[in-house]
Each structure stands twice: as C-alpha cells, then as structure tokens.
Amino acid sequence: MEHHEFNLNDALAMLERTPASLSAWLDGLPETWVRATEGGGSWSPYDVIGHLIHGEHTDWLPRARHIMKGETRPFESFDRMAQFSASEGKSLRELLANFAQARRESIAALVEMKLTAADLSRKGQHPELGEVSLGQLLATWVVHDLDHVAQIARTMAKVYTQATGPWSAYLSVLRDRQPK
C-alpha cells in the first residue's frame, strides 16, 4: 500500500469534487435508495448528506481557524447527530444544494487562509484525541468524505442483498459493517 504525505492542493481537488459526485449519484433517485439504512440505527444516504452539511458549518473550518488563532483550549465537541433535526422537512435535492454551497464557501475560505507548510504543522487540541495538527485535520476531512461515500455505496448495495440470490456470496459490500 502506498502512503503519501498530506498535500493541500491534492486535498482540495478531492474536497471540491464531493458535492458534485454525490449530487450526480443521488439526486433524483427513488426513496428506496436514499432512505435505505443498514439497520441498527445506521444512517441513510439522506442522513449522511445532512451530516456532511453540519460538518461544513461546525467542524472542519472552525477547527482550522481555531488552530490558526493559536487557541490552547480544545475544539468544541462535534454533534454527530445534529443532522436529524437540521435536515427535518428538507428534500434531498435541497440538502445536496446546501452541501454544495457550504463546501464552496469552505474551500474558498481555506484557500483564502494561504496556508504554508509551517501552518500545517500547527497544533490544536481535540476533545477526545488530544493534540492534532492542522495537516491531520485537513487530511481527515478528505478521508471523512471518502468514508461517507463508501458508507452510502454500502448502504445502497444492501437494498438488494436478497435480490442478488447466490451471488451475494461474491459481493463483499453486502457483508461489510453488518449491524450488531
């Protein structure tokens, strides 16, 4: 497995694409797909989009600014369930548009920070993980997007677990993250 050091331009290339990728994939799909879950309190694709919006407003950029200000107090805790009330009554199309707008604003603000290699080494305090660097925070943002893209794929694949019949034995996505 090849590993790479964090590169801000590479990260921006990924972060910029997430909203359009998710919109192309999810917008206009039947509710069967966008409201599917894996059971056991897991999230649907709809829930994931709400979660990504909440992260744009309260996680990545606020924490980056916190680090850049030299704050020594820990970051504010992140509410991983805020999307359930924040998304209530909104269509998936509306959430996708909100996510795209919020991400454009986040990317613009991040670029405006004109971060240097030295800035990426600056430290902050995560309330659970302890000391983290700005570079780690930004790398985590990218991987967080990818984690949720994989979650959406896995959740939607499981809609057809039974329909695949014996082929399910060959489809690892149907066995990943089984609810407890």
N, C-alpha and C. Protein backbone atom coordinates (compact mmCIF):
# COMPACT_ATOMS: atom_id res chain seq x y z
N MET A 1 0.85 -1.17 0.00
CA MET A 1 0.00 0.00 0.00
C MET A 1 0.90 1.24 0.00
N GLU A 2 0.60 2.15 -0.89
CA GLU A 2 1.38 3.37 -1.00
C GLU A 2 0.78 4.45 -0.09
N HIS A 3 1.65 5.14 0.64
CA HIS A 3 1.22 6.21 1.53
C HIS A 3 1.83 7.52 1.05
N HIS A 4 1.09 8.59 1.22
CA HIS A 4 1.56 9.90 0.79
C HIS A 4 1.46 10.90 1.93
N GLU A 5 2.36 11.85 1.92
CA GLU A 5 2.27 12.97 2.85
C GLU A 5 1.08 13.84 2.44
N PHE A 6 0.54 14.56 3.38
CA PHE A 6 -0.57 15.46 3.09
C PHE A 6 -0.12 16.54 2.12
N ASN A 7 -0.95 16.79 1.12
CA ASN A 7 -0.70 17.84 0.14
C ASN A 7 -2.00 18.63 0.01
N LEU A 8 -1.96 19.91 0.32
CA LEU A 8 -3.16 20.73 0.34
C LEU A 8 -3.83 20.79 -1.03
N ASN A 9 -3.07 20.94 -2.10
CA ASN A 9 -3.69 21.01 -3.42
C ASN A 9 -4.38 19.70 -3.78
N ASP A 10 -3.76 18.58 -3.44
CA ASP A 10 -4.39 17.28 -3.69
C ASP A 10 -5.67 17.15 -2.87
N ALA A 11 -5.63 17.62 -1.62
CA ALA A 11 -6.80 17.55 -0.75
C ALA A 11 -7.93 18.42 -1.31
N LEU A 12 -7.60 19.61 -1.76
CA LEU A 12 -8.62 20.50 -2.32
C LEU A 12 -9.27 19.87 -3.55
N ALA A 13 -8.47 19.19 -4.38
CA ALA A 13 -9.03 18.53 -5.57
C ALA A 13 -10.09 17.51 -5.18
N MET A 14 -9.87 16.78 -4.10
CA MET A 14 -10.87 15.81 -3.63
C MET A 14 -12.07 16.51 -3.00
N LEU A 15 -11.79 17.44 -2.10
CA LEU A 15 -12.88 18.11 -1.38
C LEU A 15 -13.82 18.85 -2.33
N GLU A 16 -13.27 19.43 -3.39
CA GLU A 16 -14.10 20.16 -4.36
C GLU A 16 -15.07 19.23 -5.10
N ARG A 17 -14.71 17.98 -5.26
CA ARG A 17 -15.50 17.06 -6.08
C ARG A 17 -16.62 16.34 -5.32
N THR A 18 -16.53 16.28 -4.02
CA THR A 18 -17.50 15.50 -3.27
C THR A 18 -18.94 15.95 -3.51
N PRO A 19 -19.29 17.24 -3.42
CA PRO A 19 -20.70 17.60 -3.61
C PRO A 19 -21.24 17.23 -5.00
N ALA A 20 -20.47 17.51 -6.04
CA ALA A 20 -20.94 17.20 -7.40
C ALA A 20 -21.07 15.69 -7.59
N SER A 21 -20.14 14.94 -7.04
CA SER A 21 -20.20 13.48 -7.15
C SER A 21 -21.46 12.95 -6.47
N LEU A 22 -21.71 13.43 -5.27
CA LEU A 22 -22.89 12.96 -4.54
C LEU A 22 -24.19 13.41 -5.21
N SER A 23 -24.20 14.62 -5.74
CA SER A 23 -25.40 15.10 -6.45
C SER A 23 -25.66 14.26 -7.69
N ALA A 24 -24.61 13.99 -8.47
CA ALA A 24 -24.78 13.18 -9.68
C ALA A 24 -25.29 11.79 -9.33
N TRP A 25 -24.84 11.27 -8.23
CA TRP A 25 -25.17 9.92 -7.82
C TRP A 25 -26.57 9.82 -7.21
N LEU A 26 -26.93 10.78 -6.35
CA LEU A 26 -28.13 10.64 -5.52
C LEU A 26 -29.35 11.43 -5.98
N ASP A 27 -29.13 12.57 -6.61
CA ASP A 27 -30.26 13.45 -6.94
C ASP A 27 -31.22 12.74 -7.90
N GLY A 28 -32.46 12.70 -7.53
CA GLY A 28 -33.49 12.11 -8.37
C GLY A 28 -33.70 10.61 -8.19
N LEU A 29 -32.90 9.98 -7.33
CA LEU A 29 -33.10 8.55 -7.09
C LEU A 29 -34.40 8.32 -6.31
N PRO A 30 -35.02 7.17 -6.50
CA PRO A 30 -36.19 6.84 -5.69
C PRO A 30 -35.83 6.76 -4.20
N GLU A 31 -36.83 6.99 -3.38
CA GLU A 31 -36.64 6.95 -1.91
C GLU A 31 -36.07 5.63 -1.44
N THR A 32 -36.35 4.55 -2.16
CA THR A 32 -35.80 3.23 -1.81
C THR A 32 -34.30 3.32 -1.58
N TRP A 33 -33.63 4.08 -2.43
CA TRP A 33 -32.17 4.20 -2.36
C TRP A 33 -31.73 5.22 -1.33
N VAL A 34 -32.34 6.39 -1.33
CA VAL A 34 -31.83 7.48 -0.50
C VAL A 34 -32.24 7.39 0.97
N ARG A 35 -33.26 6.58 1.27
CA ARG A 35 -33.69 6.40 2.66
C ARG A 35 -33.29 5.05 3.22
N ALA A 36 -32.54 4.27 2.43
CA ALA A 36 -32.09 2.95 2.88
C ALA A 36 -31.12 3.09 4.04
N THR A 37 -31.18 2.14 4.97
CA THR A 37 -30.20 2.07 6.05
C THR A 37 -29.69 0.63 6.13
N GLU A 38 -28.70 0.44 6.97
CA GLU A 38 -28.19 -0.91 7.22
C GLU A 38 -28.80 -1.50 8.49
N GLY A 39 -29.80 -0.83 9.03
CA GLY A 39 -30.44 -1.28 10.26
C GLY A 39 -29.64 -0.87 11.48
N GLY A 40 -30.16 -1.16 12.63
CA GLY A 40 -29.44 -0.90 13.88
C GLY A 40 -29.06 0.55 14.12
N GLY A 41 -29.91 1.49 13.71
CA GLY A 41 -29.60 2.90 13.93
C GLY A 41 -28.61 3.48 12.94
N SER A 42 -28.33 2.78 11.86
CA SER A 42 -27.38 3.28 10.85
C SER A 42 -28.03 4.41 10.04
N TRP A 43 -27.21 5.09 9.29
CA TRP A 43 -27.66 6.27 8.54
C TRP A 43 -27.97 5.93 7.10
N SER A 44 -28.97 6.62 6.58
CA SER A 44 -29.30 6.53 5.16
C SER A 44 -28.41 7.53 4.39
N PRO A 45 -28.36 7.41 3.06
CA PRO A 45 -27.66 8.43 2.28
C PRO A 45 -28.18 9.84 2.58
N TYR A 46 -29.49 9.98 2.76
CA TYR A 46 -30.08 11.27 3.12
C TYR A 46 -29.46 11.79 4.42
N ASP A 47 -29.36 10.93 5.42
CA ASP A 47 -28.78 11.32 6.71
C ASP A 47 -27.32 11.74 6.55
N VAL A 48 -26.59 11.02 5.72
CA VAL A 48 -25.17 11.33 5.51
C VAL A 48 -25.00 12.73 4.92
N ILE A 49 -25.84 13.10 3.97
CA ILE A 49 -25.72 14.44 3.38
C ILE A 49 -25.96 15.50 4.45
N GLY A 50 -26.94 15.30 5.31
CA GLY A 50 -27.17 16.23 6.42
C GLY A 50 -25.96 16.31 7.34
N HIS A 51 -25.35 15.19 7.60
CA HIS A 51 -24.15 15.13 8.44
C HIS A 51 -23.00 15.91 7.79
N LEU A 52 -22.83 15.75 6.50
CA LEU A 52 -21.76 16.48 5.80
C LEU A 52 -21.99 17.99 5.85
N ILE A 53 -23.23 18.41 5.73
CA ILE A 53 -23.56 19.84 5.84
C ILE A 53 -23.19 20.35 7.23
N HIS A 54 -23.59 19.61 8.24
CA HIS A 54 -23.29 20.02 9.62
C HIS A 54 -21.78 20.15 9.83
N GLY A 55 -21.03 19.21 9.27
CA GLY A 55 -19.57 19.29 9.38
C GLY A 55 -19.00 20.52 8.72
N GLU A 56 -19.57 20.92 7.60
CA GLU A 56 -19.09 22.14 6.92
C GLU A 56 -19.24 23.36 7.81
N HIS A 57 -20.32 23.41 8.56
CA HIS A 57 -20.60 24.58 9.38
C HIS A 57 -19.90 24.56 10.74
N THR A 58 -19.68 23.37 11.30
CA THR A 58 -19.24 23.33 12.70
C THR A 58 -17.94 22.58 12.95
N ASP A 59 -17.39 21.91 11.95
CA ASP A 59 -16.23 21.07 12.21
C ASP A 59 -14.96 21.58 11.53
N TRP A 60 -14.81 21.34 10.26
CA TRP A 60 -13.52 21.47 9.59
C TRP A 60 -12.95 22.89 9.61
N LEU A 61 -13.66 23.85 9.07
CA LEU A 61 -13.13 25.22 9.03
C LEU A 61 -13.08 25.87 10.41
N PRO A 62 -14.12 25.71 11.23
CA PRO A 62 -13.99 26.28 12.58
C PRO A 62 -12.78 25.74 13.34
N ARG A 63 -12.50 24.46 13.19
CA ARG A 63 -11.34 23.88 13.87
C ARG A 63 -10.03 24.36 13.24
N ALA A 64 -10.00 24.51 11.93
CA ALA A 64 -8.79 25.05 11.27
C ALA A 64 -8.53 26.47 11.75
N ARG A 65 -9.57 27.27 11.84
CA ARG A 65 -9.41 28.66 12.33
C ARG A 65 -8.96 28.66 13.80
N HIS A 66 -9.49 27.76 14.56
CA HIS A 66 -9.13 27.60 15.98
C HIS A 66 -7.62 27.36 16.10
N ILE A 67 -7.12 26.44 15.28
CA ILE A 67 -5.68 26.14 15.29
C ILE A 67 -4.88 27.36 14.85
N MET A 68 -5.31 28.01 13.78
CA MET A 68 -4.56 29.15 13.25
C MET A 68 -4.53 30.34 14.22
N LYS A 69 -5.54 30.46 15.07
CA LYS A 69 -5.56 31.52 16.08
C LYS A 69 -4.64 31.20 17.25
N GLY A 70 -4.13 29.97 17.30
CA GLY A 70 -3.26 29.59 18.40
C GLY A 70 -4.01 29.26 19.67
N GLU A 71 -5.28 28.93 19.54
CA GLU A 71 -6.09 28.59 20.72
C GLU A 71 -5.50 27.37 21.43
N THR A 72 -5.49 27.41 22.74
CA THR A 72 -4.98 26.28 23.51
C THR A 72 -6.11 25.42 24.09
N ARG A 73 -7.31 25.96 24.15
CA ARG A 73 -8.44 25.18 24.65
C ARG A 73 -8.84 24.16 23.58
N PRO A 74 -9.44 23.04 23.98
CA PRO A 74 -9.86 22.03 23.00
C PRO A 74 -10.94 22.57 22.05
N PHE A 75 -11.04 21.93 20.89
CA PHE A 75 -12.11 22.26 19.95
C PHE A 75 -13.44 22.03 20.62
N GLU A 76 -14.46 22.70 20.09
CA GLU A 76 -15.83 22.40 20.51
C GLU A 76 -16.14 20.96 20.09
N SER A 77 -16.89 20.26 20.89
CA SER A 77 -17.30 18.90 20.53
C SER A 77 -18.20 18.95 19.31
N PHE A 78 -18.14 17.90 18.50
CA PHE A 78 -18.93 17.82 17.28
C PHE A 78 -20.15 16.94 17.54
N ASP A 79 -21.32 17.44 17.23
CA ASP A 79 -22.56 16.70 17.42
C ASP A 79 -22.81 15.83 16.19
N ARG A 80 -22.54 14.55 16.31
CA ARG A 80 -22.67 13.62 15.17
C ARG A 80 -24.12 13.30 14.82
N MET A 81 -25.05 13.80 15.59
CA MET A 81 -26.46 13.51 15.32
C MET A 81 -27.28 14.76 14.95
N ALA A 82 -26.61 15.89 14.82
CA ALA A 82 -27.31 17.15 14.57
C ALA A 82 -28.14 17.14 13.29
N GLN A 83 -27.73 16.33 12.31
CA GLN A 83 -28.43 16.33 11.03
C GLN A 83 -29.89 15.88 11.15
N PHE A 84 -30.19 15.09 12.16
CA PHE A 84 -31.55 14.56 12.25
C PHE A 84 -32.57 15.68 12.48
N SER A 85 -32.22 16.67 13.26
CA SER A 85 -33.14 17.81 13.44
C SER A 85 -32.92 18.86 12.37
N ALA A 86 -31.68 19.09 11.97
CA ALA A 86 -31.38 20.14 10.98
C ALA A 86 -31.94 19.82 9.60
N SER A 87 -32.02 18.56 9.25
CA SER A 87 -32.50 18.16 7.91
C SER A 87 -34.00 17.97 7.83
N GLU A 88 -34.64 17.95 8.97
CA GLU A 88 -36.07 17.64 9.02
C GLU A 88 -36.89 18.51 8.07
N GLY A 89 -37.71 17.87 7.25
CA GLY A 89 -38.58 18.59 6.33
C GLY A 89 -37.93 19.05 5.04
N LYS A 90 -36.64 18.78 4.86
CA LYS A 90 -35.94 19.22 3.66
C LYS A 90 -35.84 18.06 2.67
N SER A 91 -35.91 18.40 1.41
CA SER A 91 -35.76 17.38 0.37
C SER A 91 -34.28 17.06 0.20
N LEU A 92 -34.00 15.90 -0.36
CA LEU A 92 -32.61 15.54 -0.65
C LEU A 92 -32.00 16.54 -1.61
N ARG A 93 -32.74 16.98 -2.59
CA ARG A 93 -32.23 17.97 -3.56
C ARG A 93 -31.79 19.24 -2.83
N GLU A 94 -32.60 19.68 -1.87
CA GLU A 94 -32.28 20.87 -1.09
C GLU A 94 -31.01 20.63 -0.26
N LEU A 95 -30.90 19.46 0.35
CA LEU A 95 -29.70 19.15 1.13
C LEU A 95 -28.46 19.12 0.24
N LEU A 96 -28.58 18.50 -0.93
CA LEU A 96 -27.43 18.45 -1.85
C LEU A 96 -27.00 19.85 -2.27
N ALA A 97 -27.97 20.72 -2.55
CA ALA A 97 -27.65 22.11 -2.91
C ALA A 97 -27.00 22.84 -1.73
N ASN A 98 -27.52 22.62 -0.54
CA ASN A 98 -26.94 23.26 0.65
C ASN A 98 -25.51 22.78 0.89
N PHE A 99 -25.29 21.48 0.69
CA PHE A 99 -23.95 20.94 0.86
C PHE A 99 -22.99 21.53 -0.16
N ALA A 100 -23.41 21.62 -1.41
CA ALA A 100 -22.56 22.18 -2.46
C ALA A 100 -22.19 23.63 -2.14
N GLN A 101 -23.18 24.41 -1.70
CA GLN A 101 -22.92 25.82 -1.36
C GLN A 101 -21.98 25.93 -0.16
N ALA A 102 -22.25 25.15 0.87
CA ALA A 102 -21.40 25.20 2.08
C ALA A 102 -19.97 24.77 1.75
N ARG A 103 -19.81 23.76 0.92
CA ARG A 103 -18.47 23.29 0.56
C ARG A 103 -17.74 24.34 -0.27
N ARG A 104 -18.44 24.99 -1.22
CA ARG A 104 -17.80 26.06 -1.99
C ARG A 104 -17.27 27.15 -1.05
N GLU A 105 -18.08 27.52 -0.08
CA GLU A 105 -17.68 28.55 0.89
C GLU A 105 -16.49 28.07 1.72
N SER A 106 -16.50 26.81 2.13
CA SER A 106 -15.39 26.25 2.92
C SER A 106 -14.10 26.24 2.12
N ILE A 107 -14.17 25.80 0.87
CA ILE A 107 -12.98 25.75 0.02
C ILE A 107 -12.43 27.15 -0.19
N ALA A 108 -13.32 28.10 -0.49
CA ALA A 108 -12.87 29.49 -0.70
C ALA A 108 -12.19 30.03 0.56
N ALA A 109 -12.77 29.77 1.72
CA ALA A 109 -12.18 30.24 2.98
C ALA A 109 -10.84 29.57 3.25
N LEU A 110 -10.74 28.29 2.94
CA LEU A 110 -9.49 27.56 3.15
C LEU A 110 -8.40 28.11 2.23
N VAL A 111 -8.72 28.34 0.98
CA VAL A 111 -7.75 28.90 0.03
C VAL A 111 -7.32 30.30 0.48
N GLU A 112 -8.28 31.07 0.97
CA GLU A 112 -8.01 32.42 1.45
C GLU A 112 -7.04 32.45 2.63
N MET A 113 -6.96 31.35 3.37
CA MET A 113 -6.06 31.28 4.52
C MET A 113 -4.59 31.25 4.09
N LYS A 114 -4.33 30.92 2.82
CA LYS A 114 -2.96 30.87 2.28
C LYS A 114 -2.02 30.09 3.21
N LEU A 115 -2.40 28.86 3.49
CA LEU A 115 -1.67 28.02 4.44
C LEU A 115 -0.28 27.65 3.91
N THR A 116 0.68 27.67 4.80
CA THR A 116 2.05 27.27 4.48
C THR A 116 2.32 25.89 5.08
N ALA A 117 3.45 25.31 4.72
CA ALA A 117 3.85 24.02 5.31
C ALA A 117 3.96 24.16 6.82
N ALA A 118 4.47 25.29 7.28
CA ALA A 118 4.59 25.52 8.73
C ALA A 118 3.21 25.57 9.37
N ASP A 119 2.24 26.18 8.70
CA ASP A 119 0.87 26.22 9.24
C ASP A 119 0.30 24.82 9.41
N LEU A 120 0.59 23.93 8.46
CA LEU A 120 0.06 22.57 8.52
C LEU A 120 0.58 21.80 9.72
N SER A 121 1.71 22.25 10.28
CA SER A 121 2.28 21.61 11.47
C SER A 121 1.73 22.20 12.76
N ARG A 122 0.99 23.29 12.67
CA ARG A 122 0.43 23.92 13.88
C ARG A 122 -0.51 22.95 14.58
N LYS A 123 -0.56 23.07 15.90
CA LYS A 123 -1.29 22.10 16.72
C LYS A 123 -2.57 22.68 17.32
N GLY A 124 -3.51 21.79 17.53
CA GLY A 124 -4.74 22.08 18.24
C GLY A 124 -5.05 20.93 19.17
N GLN A 125 -6.08 21.12 19.99
CA GLN A 125 -6.47 20.08 20.95
C GLN A 125 -7.85 19.55 20.61
N HIS A 126 -7.89 18.28 20.23
CA HIS A 126 -9.16 17.61 20.02
C HIS A 126 -9.69 17.17 21.39
N PRO A 127 -11.01 17.31 21.63
CA PRO A 127 -11.53 16.97 22.96
C PRO A 127 -11.37 15.51 23.36
N GLU A 128 -11.22 14.59 22.40
CA GLU A 128 -11.05 13.18 22.72
C GLU A 128 -9.67 12.65 22.33
N LEU A 129 -9.13 13.14 21.23
CA LEU A 129 -7.89 12.58 20.68
C LEU A 129 -6.63 13.27 21.16
N GLY A 130 -6.76 14.42 21.79
CA GLY A 130 -5.59 15.16 22.25
C GLY A 130 -5.00 16.00 21.13
N GLU A 131 -3.68 16.13 21.15
CA GLU A 131 -3.01 17.02 20.21
C GLU A 131 -3.09 16.50 18.77
N VAL A 132 -3.50 17.38 17.87
CA VAL A 132 -3.58 17.09 16.44
C VAL A 132 -3.00 18.27 15.68
N SER A 133 -2.55 18.01 14.46
CA SER A 133 -2.03 19.10 13.64
C SER A 133 -3.08 19.55 12.63
N LEU A 134 -2.89 20.74 12.10
CA LEU A 134 -3.78 21.25 11.07
C LEU A 134 -3.74 20.34 9.85
N GLY A 135 -2.57 19.85 9.48
CA GLY A 135 -2.46 18.93 8.35
C GLY A 135 -3.26 17.66 8.59
N GLN A 136 -3.22 17.14 9.81
CA GLN A 136 -4.01 15.94 10.14
C GLN A 136 -5.51 16.22 10.04
N LEU A 137 -5.92 17.38 10.52
CA LEU A 137 -7.32 17.77 10.45
C LEU A 137 -7.79 17.81 9.00
N LEU A 138 -7.00 18.44 8.13
CA LEU A 138 -7.39 18.58 6.74
C LEU A 138 -7.36 17.24 6.00
N ALA A 139 -6.38 16.39 6.32
CA ALA A 139 -6.34 15.05 5.73
C ALA A 139 -7.56 14.25 6.18
N THR A 140 -7.94 14.41 7.43
CA THR A 140 -9.11 13.71 7.96
C THR A 140 -10.38 14.17 7.26
N TRP A 141 -10.45 15.43 6.91
CA TRP A 141 -11.61 15.97 6.18
C TRP A 141 -11.80 15.21 4.86
N VAL A 142 -10.71 15.02 4.13
CA VAL A 142 -10.76 14.30 2.86
C VAL A 142 -11.20 12.85 3.09
N VAL A 143 -10.57 12.18 4.04
CA VAL A 143 -10.88 10.78 4.29
C VAL A 143 -12.30 10.63 4.85
N HIS A 144 -12.75 11.61 5.61
CA HIS A 144 -14.13 11.61 6.12
C HIS A 144 -15.12 11.61 4.95
N ASP A 145 -14.87 12.45 3.95
CA ASP A 145 -15.72 12.45 2.76
C ASP A 145 -15.74 11.06 2.13
N LEU A 146 -14.56 10.49 1.94
CA LEU A 146 -14.46 9.18 1.29
C LEU A 146 -15.11 8.08 2.13
N ASP A 147 -14.98 8.18 3.43
CA ASP A 147 -15.61 7.23 4.33
C ASP A 147 -17.13 7.23 4.13
N HIS A 148 -17.70 8.43 4.01
CA HIS A 148 -19.15 8.52 3.84
C HIS A 148 -19.59 8.14 2.43
N VAL A 149 -18.76 8.37 1.43
CA VAL A 149 -19.07 7.88 0.08
C VAL A 149 -19.14 6.36 0.11
N ALA A 150 -18.17 5.73 0.77
CA ALA A 150 -18.18 4.27 0.90
C ALA A 150 -19.40 3.80 1.69
N GLN A 151 -19.76 4.53 2.73
CA GLN A 151 -20.93 4.18 3.54
C GLN A 151 -22.20 4.23 2.69
N ILE A 152 -22.33 5.27 1.87
CA ILE A 152 -23.50 5.40 1.01
C ILE A 152 -23.57 4.21 0.04
N ALA A 153 -22.45 3.87 -0.57
CA ALA A 153 -22.42 2.74 -1.51
C ALA A 153 -22.81 1.44 -0.80
N ARG A 154 -22.26 1.23 0.36
CA ARG A 154 -22.52 0.01 1.13
C ARG A 154 -24.00 -0.07 1.52
N THR A 155 -24.55 1.05 1.97
CA THR A 155 -25.94 1.09 2.40
C THR A 155 -26.87 0.81 1.22
N MET A 156 -26.61 1.45 0.10
CA MET A 156 -27.48 1.25 -1.06
C MET A 156 -27.33 -0.16 -1.62
N ALA A 157 -26.13 -0.71 -1.60
CA ALA A 157 -25.94 -2.08 -2.10
C ALA A 157 -26.80 -3.06 -1.32
N LYS A 158 -26.93 -2.83 -0.03
CA LYS A 158 -27.67 -3.76 0.83
C LYS A 158 -29.18 -3.76 0.55
N VAL A 159 -29.66 -2.77 -0.20
CA VAL A 159 -31.07 -2.78 -0.60
C VAL A 159 -31.36 -4.07 -1.39
N TYR A 160 -30.38 -4.54 -2.15
CA TYR A 160 -30.58 -5.72 -2.99
C TYR A 160 -29.86 -6.96 -2.46
N THR A 161 -29.60 -7.02 -1.17
CA THR A 161 -28.95 -8.19 -0.60
C THR A 161 -29.68 -9.48 -0.97
N GLN A 162 -30.96 -9.53 -0.72
CA GLN A 162 -31.74 -10.74 -1.02
C GLN A 162 -31.91 -10.93 -2.53
N ALA A 163 -32.07 -9.85 -3.26
CA ALA A 163 -32.33 -9.93 -4.69
C ALA A 163 -31.15 -10.51 -5.47
N THR A 164 -29.95 -10.42 -4.92
CA THR A 164 -28.78 -10.96 -5.63
C THR A 164 -28.71 -12.47 -5.54
N GLY A 165 -29.50 -13.07 -4.68
CA GLY A 165 -29.52 -14.52 -4.56
C GLY A 165 -28.15 -15.07 -4.22
N PRO A 166 -27.73 -16.15 -4.87
CA PRO A 166 -26.47 -16.79 -4.52
C PRO A 166 -25.24 -15.93 -4.81
N TRP A 167 -25.38 -14.93 -5.70
CA TRP A 167 -24.23 -14.05 -5.98
C TRP A 167 -23.80 -13.24 -4.76
N SER A 168 -24.68 -13.14 -3.78
CA SER A 168 -24.30 -12.37 -2.58
C SER A 168 -23.02 -12.93 -1.94
N ALA A 169 -22.74 -14.20 -2.15
CA ALA A 169 -21.50 -14.79 -1.63
C ALA A 169 -20.26 -14.14 -2.21
N TYR A 170 -20.37 -13.54 -3.40
CA TYR A 170 -19.24 -12.90 -4.07
C TYR A 170 -19.16 -11.40 -3.82
N LEU A 171 -20.13 -10.84 -3.15
CA LEU A 171 -20.24 -9.39 -3.02
C LEU A 171 -19.89 -8.95 -1.60
N SER A 172 -18.64 -8.62 -1.39
CA SER A 172 -18.18 -8.26 -0.04
C SER A 172 -18.89 -7.03 0.52
N VAL A 173 -19.33 -6.14 -0.33
CA VAL A 173 -20.03 -4.94 0.14
C VAL A 173 -21.29 -5.29 0.92
N LEU A 174 -21.85 -6.45 0.66
CA LEU A 174 -23.06 -6.87 1.37
C LEU A 174 -22.75 -7.40 2.76
N ARG A 175 -21.51 -7.75 3.00
CA ARG A 175 -21.10 -8.29 4.31
C ARG A 175 -20.41 -7.24 5.18
N ASP A 176 -19.96 -6.14 4.58
CA ASP A 176 -19.24 -5.11 5.34
C ASP A 176 -20.19 -4.41 6.32
N ARG A 177 -19.71 -4.24 7.52
CA ARG A 177 -20.40 -3.48 8.55
C ARG A 177 -21.81 -3.98 8.83
N GLN A 178 -21.92 -5.21 9.14
CA GLN A 178 -23.22 -5.77 9.50
C GLN A 178 -23.65 -5.17 10.83
N PRO A 179 -24.94 -4.78 10.96
CA PRO A 179 -25.40 -4.23 12.26
C PRO A 179 -25.32 -5.31 13.33
N LYS A 180 -25.06 -4.85 14.53
CA LYS A 180 -24.92 -5.77 15.66
C LYS A 180 -26.25 -6.10 16.27
